[in-house]
Every structure is written in structure tokens, then in C-alpha cells.
PDB file of N, CA and C in Angstrom:
ATOM      1  N   MET A   1     -31.705-104.084 -23.845  1.00  0.00           N
ATOM      2  CA  MET A   1     -31.154-102.755 -23.222  1.00  0.00           C
ATOM      3  C   MET A   1     -30.014-102.790 -22.320  1.00  0.00           C
ATOM      4  N   SER A   2     -29.640-104.182 -21.620  1.00  0.00           N
ATOM      5  CA  SER A   2     -28.427-104.248 -21.023  1.00  0.00           C
ATOM      6  C   SER A   2     -27.222-104.598 -21.809  1.00  0.00           C
ATOM      7  N   GLU A   3     -27.383-104.672 -23.277  1.00  0.00           N
ATOM      8  CA  GLU A   3     -26.269-104.484 -24.099  1.00  0.00           C
ATOM      9  C   GLU A   3     -26.034-103.374 -24.532  1.00  0.00           C
ATOM     10  N   LEU A   4     -26.826-102.393 -24.766  1.00  0.00           N
ATOM     11  CA  LEU A   4     -26.693-101.078 -24.421  1.00  0.00           C
ATOM     12  C   LEU A   4     -25.923-100.516 -23.742  1.00  0.00           C
ATOM     13  N   ILE A   5     -26.027-100.932 -22.894  1.00  0.00           N
ATOM     14  CA  ILE A   5     -25.139-100.270 -21.260  1.00  0.00           C
ATOM     15  C   ILE A   5     -24.019-100.560 -21.608  1.00  0.00           C
ATOM     16  N   LYS A   6     -23.828-102.222 -21.726  1.00  0.00           N
ATOM     17  CA  LYS A   6     -22.346-102.667 -21.620  1.00  0.00           C
ATOM     18  C   LYS A   6     -21.932-102.156 -22.986  1.00  0.00           C
ATOM     19  N   ILE A   7     -22.341-101.501 -23.978  1.00  0.00           N
ATOM     20  CA  ILE A   7     -21.510-100.735 -25.318  1.00  0.00           C
ATOM     21  C   ILE A   7     -21.422 -99.875 -24.347  1.00  0.00           C
ATOM     22  N   VAL A   8     -21.844 -98.968 -24.154  1.00  0.00           N
ATOM     23  CA  VAL A   8     -21.795 -97.420 -23.400  1.00  0.00           C
ATOM     24  C   VAL A   8     -20.809 -97.741 -22.455  1.00  0.00           C
ATOM     25  N   ASP A   9     -20.685 -98.728 -21.832  1.00  0.00           N
ATOM     26  CA  ASP A   9     -19.492 -98.919 -20.383  1.00  0.00           C
ATOM     27  C   ASP A   9     -18.123 -98.776 -20.906  1.00  0.00           C
ATOM     28  N   SER A  10     -18.041 -99.850 -22.183  1.00  0.00           N
ATOM     29  CA  SER A  10     -17.139-100.347 -22.864  1.00  0.00           C
ATOM     30  C   SER A  10     -16.488 -99.208 -23.636  1.00  0.00           C
ATOM     31  N   LEU A  11     -17.589 -98.220 -24.234  1.00  0.00           N
ATOM     32  CA  LEU A  11     -16.831 -96.854 -24.820  1.00  0.00           C
ATOM     33  C   LEU A  11     -16.491 -96.188 -23.901  1.00  0.00           C
ATOM     34  N   GLU A  12     -17.279 -95.903 -22.513  1.00  0.00           N
ATOM     35  CA  GLU A  12     -16.350 -95.092 -21.455  1.00  0.00           C
ATOM     36  C   GLU A  12     -14.901 -95.189 -21.062  1.00  0.00           C
ATOM     37  N   ASN A  13     -14.789 -96.570 -21.120  1.00  0.00           N
ATOM     38  CA  ASN A  13     -13.714 -97.365 -20.258  1.00  0.00           C
ATOM     39  C   ASN A  13     -12.411 -97.353 -21.415  1.00  0.00           C
ATOM     40  N   LYS A  14     -13.027 -97.348 -22.579  1.00  0.00           N
ATOM     41  CA  LYS A  14     -11.759 -96.931 -23.836  1.00  0.00           C
ATOM     42  C   LYS A  14     -11.524 -95.800 -23.668  1.00  0.00           C
ATOM     43  N   ILE A  15     -12.613 -94.984 -23.781  1.00  0.00           N
ATOM     44  CA  ILE A  15     -12.321 -93.242 -23.756  1.00  0.00           C
ATOM     45  C   ILE A  15     -11.081 -93.093 -22.852  1.00  0.00           C
ATOM     46  N   SER A  16     -11.760 -93.680 -21.534  1.00  0.00           N
ATOM     47  CA  SER A  16     -10.745 -93.032 -20.567  1.00  0.00           C
ATOM     48  C   SER A  16      -9.343 -93.622 -20.235  1.00  0.00           C
ATOM     49  N   LYS A  17      -9.165 -94.594 -21.184  1.00  0.00           N
ATOM     50  CA  LYS A  17      -7.912 -95.207 -21.598  1.00  0.00           C
ATOM     51  C   LYS A  17      -7.344 -94.527 -22.108  1.00  0.00           C
ATOM     52  N   LEU A  18      -7.798 -94.161 -23.391  1.00  0.00           N
ATOM     53  CA  LEU A  18      -7.214 -93.078 -24.340  1.00  0.00           C
ATOM     54  C   LEU A  18      -6.924 -91.939 -23.867  1.00  0.00           C
ATOM     55  N   LEU A  19      -7.645 -91.555 -23.075  1.00  0.00           N
ATOM     56  CA  LEU A  19      -7.336 -90.017 -22.452  1.00  0.00           C
ATOM     57  C   LEU A  19      -6.175 -90.256 -21.470  1.00  0.00           C
ATOM     58  N   HIS A  20      -6.250 -91.431 -20.708  1.00  0.00           N
ATOM     59  CA  HIS A  20      -4.906 -91.671 -19.869  1.00  0.00           C
ATOM     60  C   HIS A  20      -3.715 -91.594 -20.867  1.00  0.00           C
ATOM     61  N   LYS A  21      -3.643 -92.821 -21.717  1.00  0.00           N
ATOM     62  CA  LYS A  21      -2.234 -92.440 -22.394  1.00  0.00           C
ATOM     63  C   LYS A  21      -2.056 -91.161 -23.125  1.00  0.00           C
ATOM     64  N   LEU A  22      -3.056 -90.502 -23.657  1.00  0.00           N
ATOM     65  CA  LEU A  22      -2.967 -88.944 -24.349  1.00  0.00           C
ATOM     66  C   LEU A  22      -2.295 -88.147 -23.147  1.00  0.00           C
ATOM     67  N   ASP A  23      -2.537 -88.269 -21.764  1.00  0.00           N
ATOM     68  CA  ASP A  23      -1.826 -87.472 -20.749  1.00  0.00           C
ATOM     69  C   ASP A  23      -0.341 -87.896 -20.523  1.00  0.00           C
ATOM     70  N   VAL A  24      -0.341 -89.416 -20.498  1.00  0.00           N
ATOM     71  CA  VAL A  24       0.923 -89.522 -20.617  1.00  0.00           C
ATOM     72  C   VAL A  24       2.223 -89.621 -21.504  1.00  0.00           C
ATOM     73  N   LEU A  25       1.560 -89.658 -22.626  1.00  0.00           N
ATOM     74  CA  LEU A  25       2.323 -89.120 -23.949  1.00  0.00           C
ATOM     75  C   LEU A  25       2.507 -87.796 -23.754  1.00  0.00           C
ATOM     76  N   TYR A  26       1.608 -86.892 -23.589  1.00  0.00           N
ATOM     77  CA  TYR A  26       2.112 -85.033 -23.602  1.00  0.00           C
ATOM     78  C   TYR A  26       2.975 -85.401 -22.497  1.00  0.00           C
ATOM     79  N   ASN A  27       2.831 -85.655 -21.521  1.00  0.00           N
ATOM     80  CA  ASN A  27       4.081 -85.636 -20.182  1.00  0.00           C
ATOM     81  C   ASN A  27       5.520 -86.158 -20.688  1.00  0.00           C
ATOM     82  N   ALA A  28       5.312 -86.966 -21.767  1.00  0.00           N
ATOM     83  CA  ALA A  28       6.650 -87.575 -22.226  1.00  0.00           C
ATOM     84  C   ALA A  28       7.026 -86.782 -23.231  1.00  0.00           C
ATOM     85  N   ASN A  29       6.226 -86.220 -23.987  1.00  0.00           N
ATOM     86  CA  ASN A  29       6.478 -85.065 -24.789  1.00  0.00           C
ATOM     87  C   ASN A  29       7.299 -83.991 -24.528  1.00  0.00           C
ATOM     88  N   LEU A  30       6.253 -83.576 -23.101  1.00  0.00           N
ATOM     89  CA  LEU A  30       7.079 -82.736 -22.211  1.00  0.00           C
ATOM     90  C   LEU A  30       8.493 -82.810 -22.323  1.00  0.00           C
ATOM     91  N   GLU A  31       8.915 -83.665 -21.142  1.00  0.00           N
ATOM     92  CA  GLU A  31      10.030 -84.200 -20.875  1.00  0.00           C
ATOM     93  C   GLU A  31      11.131 -84.149 -21.483  1.00  0.00           C
ATOM     94  N   LEU A  32      10.868 -84.614 -22.885  1.00  0.00           N
ATOM     95  CA  LEU A  32      11.606 -84.637 -24.339  1.00  0.00           C
ATOM     96  C   LEU A  32      11.999 -83.520 -24.893  1.00  0.00           C
ATOM     97  N   GLU A  33      10.811 -82.579 -24.559  1.00  0.00           N
ATOM     98  CA  GLU A  33      11.407 -81.378 -25.193  1.00  0.00           C
ATOM     99  C   GLU A  33      12.463 -80.374 -24.273  1.00  0.00           C
ATOM    100  N   LYS A  34      12.131 -80.466 -23.041  1.00  0.00           N
ATOM    101  CA  LYS A  34      13.382 -80.001 -21.849  1.00  0.00           C
ATOM    102  C   LYS A  34      14.344 -80.473 -22.215  1.00  0.00           C
ATOM    103  N   GLU A  35      14.926 -81.956 -22.372  1.00  0.00           N
ATOM    104  CA  GLU A  35      15.763 -82.595 -22.686  1.00  0.00           C
ATOM    105  C   GLU A  35      16.682 -82.453 -23.735  1.00  0.00           C
ATOM    106  N   LEU A  36      15.614 -82.056 -24.856  1.00  0.00           N
ATOM    107  CA  LEU A  36      15.948 -81.704 -26.573  1.00  0.00           C
ATOM    108  C   LEU A  36      16.784 -79.969 -25.892  1.00  0.00           C
ATOM    109  N   HIS A  37      15.953 -79.197 -25.394  1.00  0.00           N
ATOM    110  CA  HIS A  37      16.448 -78.113 -25.091  1.00  0.00           C
ATOM    111  C   HIS A  37      17.799 -77.923 -24.425  1.00  0.00           C
ATOM    112  N   HIS A  38      18.198 -78.700 -23.375  1.00  0.00           N
ATOM    113  CA  HIS A  38      19.113 -78.993 -22.669  1.00  0.00           C
ATOM    114  C   HIS A  38      20.610 -79.171 -23.289  1.00  0.00           C
ATOM    115  N   ILE A  39      20.301 -80.165 -24.328  1.00  0.00           N
ATOM    116  CA  ILE A  39      21.359 -80.830 -25.313  1.00  0.00           C
ATOM    117  C   ILE A  39      21.678 -79.748 -25.742  1.00  0.00           C
ATOM    118  N   LYS A  40      20.289 -79.180 -26.345  1.00  0.00           N
ATOM    119  CA  LYS A  40      20.908 -77.694 -27.534  1.00  0.00           C
ATOM    120  C   LYS A  40      21.819 -76.642 -26.677  1.00  0.00           C
ATOM    121  N   SER A  41      21.376 -76.389 -25.673  1.00  0.00           N
ATOM    122  CA  SER A  41      22.124 -75.469 -25.035  1.00  0.00           C
ATOM    123  C   SER A  41      23.540 -75.838 -24.601  1.00  0.00           C
ATOM    124  N   SER A  42      24.014 -77.342 -24.349  1.00  0.00           N
ATOM    125  CA  SER A  42      25.289 -77.718 -23.811  1.00  0.00           C
ATOM    126  C   SER A  42      25.839 -77.811 -25.301  1.00  0.00           C
ATOM    127  N   GLN A  43      25.201 -78.226 -26.559  1.00  0.00           N
ATOM    128  CA  GLN A  43      25.998 -78.057 -28.016  1.00  0.00           C
ATOM    129  C   GLN A  43      26.213 -77.008 -27.889  1.00  0.00           C
ATOM    130  N   GLU A  44      25.611 -75.747 -27.902  1.00  0.00           N
ATOM    131  CA  GLU A  44      25.669 -74.227 -28.196  1.00  0.00           C
ATOM    132  C   GLU A  44      27.260 -73.987 -27.712  1.00  0.00           C
ATOM    133  N   ASN A  45      27.013 -74.260 -26.250  1.00  0.00           N
ATOM    134  CA  ASN A  45      28.309 -74.066 -25.242  1.00  0.00           C
ATOM    135  C   ASN A  45      29.580 -74.438 -25.753  1.00  0.00           C
ATOM    136  N   ALA A  46      29.582 -76.192 -26.043  1.00  0.00           N
ATOM    137  CA  ALA A  46      30.771 -76.970 -26.474  1.00  0.00           C
ATOM    138  C   ALA A  46      31.143 -76.066 -27.784  1.00  0.00           C
ATOM    139  N   SER A  47      30.090 -75.780 -28.681  1.00  0.00           N
ATOM    140  CA  SER A  47      30.740 -75.188 -29.981  1.00  0.00           C
ATOM    141  C   SER A  47      31.307 -73.836 -29.550  1.00  0.00           C
ATOM    142  N   LYS A  48      31.005 -72.950 -28.462  1.00  0.00           N
ATOM    143  CA  LYS A  48      31.563 -71.715 -28.594  1.00  0.00           C
ATOM    144  C   LYS A  48      33.070 -72.191 -27.825  1.00  0.00           C
ATOM    145  N   THR A  49      33.001 -73.050 -27.010  1.00  0.00           N
ATOM    146  CA  THR A  49      34.061 -73.509 -26.568  1.00  0.00           C
ATOM    147  C   THR A  49      35.401 -73.844 -27.542  1.00  0.00           C
ATOM    148  N   ASP A  50      34.815 -74.628 -28.143  1.00  0.00           N
ATOM    149  CA  ASP A  50      35.761 -75.265 -29.055  1.00  0.00           C
ATOM    150  C   ASP A  50      36.037 -73.854 -30.245  1.00  0.00           C
ATOM    151  N   SER A  51      35.432 -73.169 -30.449  1.00  0.00           N
ATOM    152  CA  SER A  51      35.734 -72.219 -31.595  1.00  0.00           C
ATOM    153  C   SER A  51      36.881 -70.894 -30.626  1.00  0.00           C
ATOM    154  N   GLU A  52      36.435 -70.895 -29.455  1.00  0.00           N
ATOM    155  CA  GLU A  52      37.261 -70.074 -27.991  1.00  0.00           C
ATOM    156  C   GLU A  52      38.865 -70.834 -28.566  1.00  0.00           C
ATOM    157  N   TRP A  53      38.774 -72.305 -28.207  1.00  0.00           N
ATOM    158  CA  TRP A  53      40.139 -72.774 -28.199  1.00  0.00           C
ATOM    159  C   TRP A  53      40.849 -73.180 -29.415  1.00  0.00           C
ATOM    160  N   GLU A  54      40.046 -72.921 -30.602  1.00  0.00           N
ATOM    161  CA  GLU A  54      40.710 -72.713 -32.057  1.00  0.00           C
ATOM    162  C   GLU A  54      41.370 -71.529 -32.081  1.00  0.00           C
ATOM    163  N   GLU A  55      40.553 -70.343 -31.514  1.00  0.00           N
ATOM    164  CA  GLU A  55      41.065 -69.298 -31.706  1.00  0.00           C
ATOM    165  C   GLU A  55      42.346 -69.216 -31.235  1.00  0.00           C
ATOM    166  N   LYS A  56      42.550 -69.655 -30.032  1.00  0.00           N
ATOM    167  CA  LYS A  56      43.850 -69.360 -29.023  1.00  0.00           C
ATOM    168  C   LYS A  56      44.817 -70.391 -29.644  1.00  0.00           C
ATOM    169  N   TYR A  57      44.716 -71.378 -30.114  1.00  0.00           N
ATOM    170  CA  TYR A  57      45.223 -71.876 -30.941  1.00  0.00           C
ATOM    171  C   TYR A  57      46.084 -71.534 -31.833  1.00  0.00           C
ATOM    172  N   ASN A  58      44.914 -70.913 -32.871  1.00  0.00           N
ATOM    173  CA  ASN A  58      45.862 -70.277 -33.917  1.00  0.00           C
ATOM    174  C   ASN A  58      46.963 -68.711 -33.772  1.00  0.00           C
ATOM    175  N   SER A  59      46.355 -68.312 -32.559  1.00  0.00           N
ATOM    176  CA  SER A  59      47.134 -67.220 -32.047  1.00  0.00           C
ATOM    177  C   SER A  59      48.602 -67.416 -31.256  1.00  0.00           C
ATOM    178  N   LEU A  60      48.236 -68.868 -30.731  1.00  0.00           N
ATOM    179  CA  LEU A  60      49.311 -69.271 -30.291  1.00  0.00           C
ATOM    180  C   LEU A  60      50.606 -69.975 -31.318  1.00  0.00           C
ATOM    181  N   LYS A  61      50.020 -70.505 -32.650  1.00  0.00           N
ATOM    182  CA  LYS A  61      50.488 -70.782 -33.964  1.00  0.00           C
ATOM    183  C   LYS A  61      51.029 -69.443 -34.289  1.00  0.00           C
ATOM    184  N   LEU A  62      50.376 -68.502 -34.324  1.00  0.00           N
ATOM    185  CA  LEU A  62      51.203 -67.326 -35.062  1.00  0.00           C
ATOM    186  C   LEU A  62      52.228 -66.882 -34.236  1.00  0.00           C
ATOM    187  N   ALA A  63      52.008 -66.692 -32.540  1.00  0.00           N
ATOM    188  CA  ALA A  63      53.064 -66.222 -31.983  1.00  0.00           C
ATOM    189  C   ALA A  63      54.112 -67.164 -32.162  1.00  0.00           C
ATOM    190  N   ASN A  64      54.354 -68.452 -32.080  1.00  0.00           N
ATOM    191  CA  ASN A  64      55.304 -69.052 -32.253  1.00  0.00           C
ATOM    192  C   ASN A  64      56.208 -69.184 -33.600  1.00  0.00           C
ATOM    193  N   SER A  65      55.389 -68.864 -34.816  1.00  0.00           N
ATOM    194  CA  SER A  65      56.090 -68.804 -35.623  1.00  0.00           C
ATOM    195  C   SER A  65      56.857 -67.125 -35.930  1.00  0.00           C
ATOM    196  N   MET A  66      56.258 -66.434 -34.969  1.00  0.00           N
ATOM    197  CA  MET A  66      56.979 -64.805 -35.122  1.00  0.00           C
ATOM    198  C   MET A  66      58.060 -64.665 -33.852  1.00  0.00           C
ATOM    199  N   LEU A  67      58.003 -66.206 -33.317  1.00  0.00           N
ATOM    200  CA  LEU A  67      59.581 -65.837 -32.116  1.00  0.00           C
ATOM    201  C   LEU A  67      60.435 -66.520 -32.888  1.00  0.00           C
ATOM    202  N   GLY A  68      60.138 -67.322 -33.908  1.00  0.00           N
ATOM    203  CA  GLY A  68      61.400 -67.915 -34.728  1.00  0.00           C
ATOM    204  C   GLY A  68      61.141 -69.265 -35.286  1.00  0.00           C
ATOM    205  N   SER A  69      60.183 -69.871 -35.009  1.00  0.00           N
ATOM    206  CA  SER A  69      59.830 -71.180 -35.215  1.00  0.00           C
ATOM    207  C   SER A  69      59.957 -71.428 -36.875  1.00  0.00           C
ATOM    208  N   ASN A  70      60.726 -72.192 -37.271  1.00  0.00           N
ATOM    209  CA  ASN A  70      60.851 -72.353 -38.646  1.00  0.00           C
ATOM    210  C   ASN A  70      59.126 -73.237 -39.374  1.00  0.00           C
ATOM    211  N   THR A  71      58.569 -73.692 -38.631  1.00  0.00           N
ATOM    212  CA  THR A  71      57.129 -74.528 -38.810  1.00  0.00           C
ATOM    213  C   THR A  71      56.609 -73.711 -39.783  1.00  0.00           C
ATOM    214  N   ASN A  72      55.846 -72.340 -39.236  1.00  0.00           N
ATOM    215  CA  ASN A  72      55.232 -71.273 -39.862  1.00  0.00           C
ATOM    216  C   ASN A  72      55.546 -70.263 -40.351  1.00  0.00           C
ATOM    217  N   LYS A  73      56.703 -69.862 -40.559  1.00  0.00           N
ATOM    218  CA  LYS A  73      56.907 -68.793 -40.983  1.00  0.00           C
ATOM    219  C   LYS A  73      56.244 -68.302 -42.042  1.00  0.00           C
ATOM    220  N   THR A  74      56.122 -68.837 -43.266  1.00  0.00           N
ATOM    221  CA  THR A  74      55.344 -68.332 -44.440  1.00  0.00           C
ATOM    222  C   THR A  74      53.766 -68.001 -43.973  1.00  0.00           C
ATOM    223  N   GLU A  75      53.411 -68.759 -43.162  1.00  0.00           N
ATOM    224  CA  GLU A  75      51.877 -68.331 -42.645  1.00  0.00           C
ATOM    225  C   GLU A  75      52.094 -67.184 -42.003  1.00  0.00           C
ATOM    226  N   ALA A  76      53.055 -66.793 -40.969  1.00  0.00           N
ATOM    227  CA  ALA A  76      53.193 -65.801 -40.134  1.00  0.00           C
ATOM    228  C   ALA A  76      53.462 -64.432 -41.351  1.00  0.00           C
ATOM    229  N   LYS A  77      54.374 -64.855 -42.191  1.00  0.00           N
ATOM    230  CA  LYS A  77      54.387 -63.699 -43.272  1.00  0.00           C
ATOM    231  C   LYS A  77      53.073 -63.236 -44.001  1.00  0.00           C
ATOM    232  N   LEU A  78      52.238 -64.038 -44.069  1.00  0.00           N
ATOM    233  CA  LEU A  78      50.953 -64.045 -44.885  1.00  0.00           C
ATOM    234  C   LEU A  78      49.968 -63.242 -44.118  1.00  0.00           C
ATOM    235  N   LYS A  79      50.130 -63.714 -42.798  1.00  0.00           N
ATOM    236  CA  LYS A  79      49.430 -63.134 -41.729  1.00  0.00           C
ATOM    237  C   LYS A  79      49.686 -61.527 -41.719  1.00  0.00           C
ATOM    238  N   ILE A  80      50.663 -61.057 -41.180  1.00  0.00           N
ATOM    239  CA  ILE A  80      51.620 -59.926 -41.344  1.00  0.00           C
ATOM    240  C   ILE A  80      51.135 -59.255 -42.639  1.00  0.00           C
ATOM    241  N   ASN A  81      51.098 -59.758 -43.689  1.00  0.00           N
ATOM    242  CA  ASN A  81      50.973 -59.012 -45.080  1.00  0.00           C
ATOM    243  C   ASN A  81      49.011 -58.513 -45.054  1.00  0.00           C
ATOM    244  N   THR A  82      48.615 -59.581 -44.595  1.00  0.00           N
ATOM    245  CA  THR A  82      47.266 -59.121 -44.617  1.00  0.00           C
ATOM    246  C   THR A  82      46.693 -58.102 -43.354  1.00  0.00           C
ATOM    247  N   LEU A  83      47.237 -58.264 -42.252  1.00  0.00           N
ATOM    248  CA  LEU A  83      46.935 -56.922 -41.592  1.00  0.00           C
ATOM    249  C   LEU A  83      47.525 -55.880 -41.957  1.00  0.00           C
ATOM    250  N   ILE A  84      48.967 -55.608 -42.500  1.00  0.00           N
ATOM    251  CA  ILE A  84      49.272 -54.588 -42.722  1.00  0.00           C
ATOM    252  C   ILE A  84      48.363 -54.108 -44.424  1.00  0.00           C
ATOM    253  N   ARG A  85      47.652 -54.678 -45.141  1.00  0.00           N
ATOM    254  CA  ARG A  85      47.023 -54.358 -45.879  1.00  0.00           C
ATOM    255  C   ARG A  85      45.296 -54.014 -45.441  1.00  0.00           C
ATOM    256  N   GLU A  86      45.017 -54.382 -44.276  1.00  0.00           N
ATOM    257  CA  GLU A  86      44.254 -53.960 -43.730  1.00  0.00           C
ATOM    258  C   GLU A  86      44.082 -52.745 -43.114  1.00  0.00           C
ATOM    259  N   LEU A  87      45.499 -52.282 -42.848  1.00  0.00           N
ATOM    260  CA  LEU A  87      45.602 -51.169 -41.930  1.00  0.00           C
ATOM    261  C   LEU A  87      45.343 -50.385 -42.612  1.00  0.00           C
ATOM    262  N   ASP A  88      46.198 -50.243 -43.934  1.00  0.00           N
ATOM    263  CA  ASP A  88      46.520 -49.580 -44.993  1.00  0.00           C
ATOM    264  C   ASP A  88      44.816 -49.294 -45.767  1.00  0.00           C
ATOM    265  N   HIS A  89      43.995 -49.975 -45.611  1.00  0.00           N
ATOM    266  CA  HIS A  89      43.080 -49.752 -45.979  1.00  0.00           C
ATOM    267  C   HIS A  89      41.932 -48.972 -45.122  1.00  0.00           C
ATOM    268  N   CYS A  90      42.129 -48.986 -43.931  1.00  0.00           N
ATOM    269  CA  CYS A  90      41.524 -48.219 -42.744  1.00  0.00           C
ATOM    270  C   CYS A  90      41.872 -47.093 -42.823  1.00  0.00           C
ATOM    271  N   ILE A  91      43.260 -47.076 -42.911  1.00  0.00           N
ATOM    272  CA  ILE A  91      43.952 -45.414 -43.244  1.00  0.00           C
ATOM    273  C   ILE A  91      43.136 -44.970 -44.445  1.00  0.00           C
ATOM    274  N   ALA A  92      43.369 -45.525 -45.397  1.00  0.00           N
ATOM    275  CA  ALA A  92      42.568 -45.035 -46.943  1.00  0.00           C
ATOM    276  C   ALA A  92      41.365 -44.469 -46.545  1.00  0.00           C
ATOM    277  N   GLN A  93      40.641 -45.082 -45.730  1.00  0.00           N
ATOM    278  CA  GLN A  93      39.200 -44.687 -45.339  1.00  0.00           C
ATOM    279  C   GLN A  93      39.210 -43.489 -44.379  1.00  0.00           C
ATOM    280  N   LEU A  94      39.978 -43.465 -43.377  1.00  0.00           N
ATOM    281  CA  LEU A  94      39.909 -42.283 -42.710  1.00  0.00           C
ATOM    282  C   LEU A  94      40.566 -40.984 -43.233  1.00  0.00           C
ATOM    283  N   SER A  95      41.719 -41.140 -44.199  1.00  0.00           N
ATOM    284  CA  SER A  95      41.725 -39.961 -45.542  1.00  0.00           C
ATOM    285  C   SER A  95      41.043 -39.463 -46.337  1.00  0.00           C
ATOM    286  N   GLU A  96      39.967 -40.510 -46.316  1.00  0.00           N
ATOM    287  CA  GLU A  96      39.110 -39.909 -47.388  1.00  0.00           C
ATOM    288  C   GLU A  96      38.313 -38.885 -47.032  1.00  0.00           C
TER     289      GLU A  96
END
């Protein structure tokens, strides 16, 4: 009978340890999920900032080429032609 009690005590002890490990892992998982969410948010913000700066850079590059910079005159002409085509398309749609 005492062997049975030892086995039951041993099982209770092991179950208690497993439950404790489960609790620790659950808490660690929650912390990792919070950290992942924070990192994703930071990455999205960095991506938005990067896009904004890239747009500003392209606008500045276009402005410089329109001011007489020799480096991007062809690019400026292409951009102007694209804008004119878009305006013509809008006017055509409005007149319909």
C-alpha cells in the first residue's frame, strides 16, 4: 500500500511541476506576442516613413530637373508628358 502512495505522490509532484512549466510557458508566450506586435508596429511605421521620404526625394528630384538641372531633364519631360496625358484623360471623361 505504501508503494501505491509513493507512486501517487510522485505523480502529483510531476503533475504540479508540469502545470508550473505550462504556466511559465504561457506567460512567456504572452510576452513574446506583445513583443511581436510591438515590432510589427515599429516596422510598419518605419515602412511608412521610408515611403514618405522616398516620395519627397522623387518630388525634389523632379523639382530640381524642372529648375534646369541637366541630370534628369529626360525624366522631367516624361513626367510632364504623363501628367498631360492624365489631364487629357480626365477632361475627356468630364466632357462625356
